[in-house]
Amino acid sequence: MTLPEFDASALTLADAQRKVDDWINEVGVRYFSELTNLAQLVEEVGELSRIVSRTYGEQSFKPGESPSDLSGELADVLFVLICLANQTGVDLTEALNRTLEKKTARDRDRHQNNPKLQS
């Protein structure tokens, strides 16, 4: 069993959604329930938070604890998020475009005028 190849340098959100769906159907057997995937997403975000808080925040790693792979944790979050999108029929490209339009209209001047963001 071989999954279709994708040019990783040009991977779109639609490609990612198809690639994850192919993986689920060929390797993962089926999607977990939406509720299970939400729990998985929370777990993965927690793992990401641990790395970020210890790498960039005031927390430190415990003796003998090795820093984990930030990129791997981000990818784990993305994978589960894509699973949720796929199983609920959400087109992430359309959803992200709508969100960017909404944020642009709402926040066009807000961040530019925020003195906390001025360097």
C-alpha atoms as a PDB file:
ATOM      1  CA  MET A   1       0.000   0.000   0.000  1.00  0.00           C
ATOM      2  CA  THR A   2       1.460   3.304  -1.098  1.00  0.00           C
ATOM      3  CA  LEU A   3      -0.063   6.674  -0.545  1.00  0.00           C
ATOM      4  CA  PRO A   4       0.018   9.164  -3.418  1.00  0.00           C
ATOM      5  CA  GLU A   5       3.058  11.398  -3.495  1.00  0.00           C
ATOM      6  CA  PHE A   6       2.650  15.117  -2.892  1.00  0.00           C
ATOM      7  CA  ASP A   7       5.124  17.869  -3.629  1.00  0.00           C
ATOM      8  CA  ALA A   8       5.675  18.979  -0.039  1.00  0.00           C
ATOM      9  CA  SER A   9       6.996  22.353  -1.169  1.00  0.00           C
ATOM     10  CA  ALA A  10       3.628  23.131  -2.775  1.00  0.00           C
ATOM     11  CA  LEU A  11       1.246  21.358  -0.380  1.00  0.00           C
ATOM     12  CA  THR A  12      -2.055  23.215  -0.179  1.00  0.00           C
ATOM     13  CA  LEU A  13      -4.647  22.861   2.558  1.00  0.00           C
ATOM     14  CA  ALA A  14      -6.780  20.890   0.101  1.00  0.00           C
ATOM     15  CA  ASP A  15      -3.816  18.580  -0.601  1.00  0.00           C
ATOM     16  CA  ALA A  16      -3.273  18.145   3.128  1.00  0.00           C
ATOM     17  CA  GLN A  17      -6.936  17.274   3.658  1.00  0.00           C
ATOM     18  CA  ARG A  18      -6.775  14.670   0.862  1.00  0.00           C
ATOM     19  CA  LYS A  19      -3.470  13.269   2.117  1.00  0.00           C
ATOM     20  CA  VAL A  20      -4.796  12.847   5.660  1.00  0.00           C
ATOM     21  CA  ASP A  21      -7.994  11.269   4.335  1.00  0.00           C
ATOM     22  CA  ASP A  22      -5.951   8.835   2.230  1.00  0.00           C
ATOM     23  CA  TRP A  23      -3.844   7.942   5.277  1.00  0.00           C
ATOM     24  CA  ILE A  24      -6.915   7.401   7.467  1.00  0.00           C
ATOM     25  CA  ASN A  25      -8.536   5.138   4.877  1.00  0.00           C
ATOM     26  CA  GLU A  26      -5.382   3.151   4.070  1.00  0.00           C
ATOM     27  CA  VAL A  27      -3.568   2.995   7.404  1.00  0.00           C
ATOM     28  CA  GLY A  28      -5.862   4.277  10.130  1.00  0.00           C
ATOM     29  CA  VAL A  29      -8.862   2.096   9.155  1.00  0.00           C
ATOM     30  CA  ARG A  30     -11.383   4.837   9.977  1.00  0.00           C
ATOM     31  CA  TYR A  31     -11.658   8.226  11.661  1.00  0.00           C
ATOM     32  CA  PHE A  32     -12.043   8.310  15.423  1.00  0.00           C
ATOM     33  CA  SER A  33     -15.299   9.913  16.512  1.00  0.00           C
ATOM     34  CA  GLU A  34     -15.455  13.699  16.497  1.00  0.00           C
ATOM     35  CA  LEU A  35     -15.460  13.695  20.294  1.00  0.00           C
ATOM     36  CA  THR A  36     -12.397  11.442  20.453  1.00  0.00           C
ATOM     37  CA  ASN A  37     -10.604  13.634  17.931  1.00  0.00           C
ATOM     38  CA  LEU A  38     -11.442  16.725  19.959  1.00  0.00           C
ATOM     39  CA  ALA A  39      -9.907  15.037  23.017  1.00  0.00           C
ATOM     40  CA  GLN A  40      -6.873  14.104  20.878  1.00  0.00           C
ATOM     41  CA  LEU A  41      -6.583  17.718  19.711  1.00  0.00           C
ATOM     42  CA  VAL A  42      -6.632  19.000  23.290  1.00  0.00           C
ATOM     43  CA  GLU A  43      -3.977  16.435  24.227  1.00  0.00           C
ATOM     44  CA  GLU A  44      -1.750  17.461  21.316  1.00  0.00           C
ATOM     45  CA  VAL A  45      -2.177  21.166  22.108  1.00  0.00           C
ATOM     46  CA  GLY A  46      -1.153  20.362  25.687  1.00  0.00           C
ATOM     47  CA  GLU A  47       2.034  18.706  24.447  1.00  0.00           C
ATOM     48  CA  LEU A  48       2.717  21.724  22.248  1.00  0.00           C
ATOM     49  CA  SER A  49       2.083  24.056  25.188  1.00  0.00           C
ATOM     50  CA  ARG A  50       4.560  22.165  27.346  1.00  0.00           C
ATOM     51  CA  ILE A  51       7.330  22.610  24.794  1.00  0.00           C
ATOM     52  CA  VAL A  52       6.570  26.282  24.165  1.00  0.00           C
ATOM     53  CA  SER A  53       6.310  27.151  27.871  1.00  0.00           C
ATOM     54  CA  ARG A  54       9.644  25.482  28.610  1.00  0.00           C
ATOM     55  CA  THR A  55      11.455  26.719  25.512  1.00  0.00           C
ATOM     56  CA  TYR A  56      10.164  30.308  25.316  1.00  0.00           C
ATOM     57  CA  GLY A  57       8.539  30.905  28.695  1.00  0.00           C
ATOM     58  CA  GLU A  58       9.678  30.873  32.287  1.00  0.00           C
ATOM     59  CA  GLN A  59       9.253  27.122  32.789  1.00  0.00           C
ATOM     60  CA  SER A  60      12.293  24.862  32.521  1.00  0.00           C
ATOM     61  CA  PHE A  61      12.658  21.231  31.571  1.00  0.00           C
ATOM     62  CA  LYS A  62      13.017  18.825  34.503  1.00  0.00           C
ATOM     63  CA  PRO A  63      16.404  17.172  35.049  1.00  0.00           C
ATOM     64  CA  GLY A  64      16.758  14.320  32.579  1.00  0.00           C
ATOM     65  CA  GLU A  65      13.819  15.573  30.496  1.00  0.00           C
ATOM     66  CA  SER A  66      14.782  16.239  26.916  1.00  0.00           C
ATOM     67  CA  PRO A  67      13.154  18.957  24.859  1.00  0.00           C
ATOM     68  CA  SER A  68      10.684  17.541  22.375  1.00  0.00           C
ATOM     69  CA  ASP A  69      10.343  18.417  18.735  1.00  0.00           C
ATOM     70  CA  LEU A  70       8.309  21.616  18.307  1.00  0.00           C
ATOM     71  CA  SER A  71       7.729  20.981  14.601  1.00  0.00           C
ATOM     72  CA  GLY A  72       6.504  17.471  15.315  1.00  0.00           C
ATOM     73  CA  GLU A  73       4.021  18.700  17.914  1.00  0.00           C
ATOM     74  CA  LEU A  74       2.743  21.413  15.560  1.00  0.00           C
ATOM     75  CA  ALA A  75       2.286  18.761  12.876  1.00  0.00           C
ATOM     76  CA  ASP A  76       0.413  16.513  15.347  1.00  0.00           C
ATOM     77  CA  VAL A  77      -1.992  19.378  16.105  1.00  0.00           C
ATOM     78  CA  LEU A  78      -2.454  20.049  12.392  1.00  0.00           C
ATOM     79  CA  PHE A  79      -3.086  16.361  11.649  1.00  0.00           C
ATOM     80  CA  VAL A  80      -5.873  16.046  14.218  1.00  0.00           C
ATOM     81  CA  LEU A  81      -7.349  19.399  13.182  1.00  0.00           C
ATOM     82  CA  ILE A  82      -7.453  18.188   9.583  1.00  0.00           C
ATOM     83  CA  CYS A  83      -9.115  14.954  10.727  1.00  0.00           C
ATOM     84  CA  LEU A  84     -11.848  16.986  12.431  1.00  0.00           C
ATOM     85  CA  ALA A  85     -12.302  19.137   9.335  1.00  0.00           C
ATOM     86  CA  ASN A  86     -12.505  16.111   7.058  1.00  0.00           C
ATOM     87  CA  GLN A  87     -15.023  14.203   9.116  1.00  0.00           C
ATOM     88  CA  THR A  88     -17.279  17.237   9.572  1.00  0.00           C
ATOM     89  CA  GLY A  89     -17.140  18.354   5.934  1.00  0.00           C
ATOM     90  CA  VAL A  90     -15.175  21.561   6.498  1.00  0.00           C
ATOM     91  CA  ASP A  91     -13.106  22.843   3.574  1.00  0.00           C
ATOM     92  CA  LEU A  92     -10.158  24.396   5.416  1.00  0.00           C
ATOM     93  CA  THR A  93      -9.161  26.554   2.437  1.00  0.00           C
ATOM     94  CA  GLU A  94     -12.588  28.204   2.336  1.00  0.00           C
ATOM     95  CA  ALA A  95     -12.751  28.438   6.136  1.00  0.00           C
ATOM     96  CA  LEU A  96      -9.320  30.067   6.414  1.00  0.00           C
ATOM     97  CA  ASN A  97     -10.126  32.532   3.628  1.00  0.00           C
ATOM     98  CA  ARG A  98     -13.373  33.522   5.403  1.00  0.00           C
ATOM     99  CA  THR A  99     -11.502  33.971   8.672  1.00  0.00           C
ATOM    100  CA  LEU A 100      -8.812  36.125   7.043  1.00  0.00           C
ATOM    101  CA  GLU A 101     -11.495  38.303   5.428  1.00  0.00           C
ATOM    102  CA  LYS A 102     -13.338  38.628   8.751  1.00  0.00           C
ATOM    103  CA  LYS A 103     -10.169  39.503  10.677  1.00  0.00           C
ATOM    104  CA  THR A 104      -9.047  41.975   8.024  1.00  0.00           C
ATOM    105  CA  ALA A 105     -12.388  43.810   8.086  1.00  0.00           C
ATOM    106  CA  ARG A 106     -12.600  43.770  11.880  1.00  0.00           C
ATOM    107  CA  ASP A 107      -8.971  44.438  12.765  1.00  0.00           C
ATOM    108  CA  ARG A 108      -7.786  46.544   9.820  1.00  0.00           C
ATOM    109  CA  ASP A 109      -6.763  49.459  12.075  1.00  0.00           C
ATOM    110  CA  ARG A 110      -6.949  47.850  15.495  1.00  0.00           C
ATOM    111  CA  HIS A 111      -3.446  46.340  15.551  1.00  0.00           C
ATOM    112  CA  GLN A 112      -1.826  49.216  13.670  1.00  0.00           C
ATOM    113  CA  ASN A 113      -3.106  51.590  16.353  1.00  0.00           C
ATOM    114  CA  ASN A 114      -2.228  49.391  19.332  1.00  0.00           C
ATOM    115  CA  PRO A 115       0.614  51.101  21.236  1.00  0.00           C
ATOM    116  CA  LYS A 116       1.548  47.744  22.802  1.00  0.00           C
ATOM    117  CA  LEU A 117       2.547  46.490  19.366  1.00  0.00           C
ATOM    118  CA  GLN A 118       4.699  49.494  18.426  1.00  0.00           C
ATOM    119  CA  SER A 119       8.424  48.766  18.636  1.00  0.00           C
END
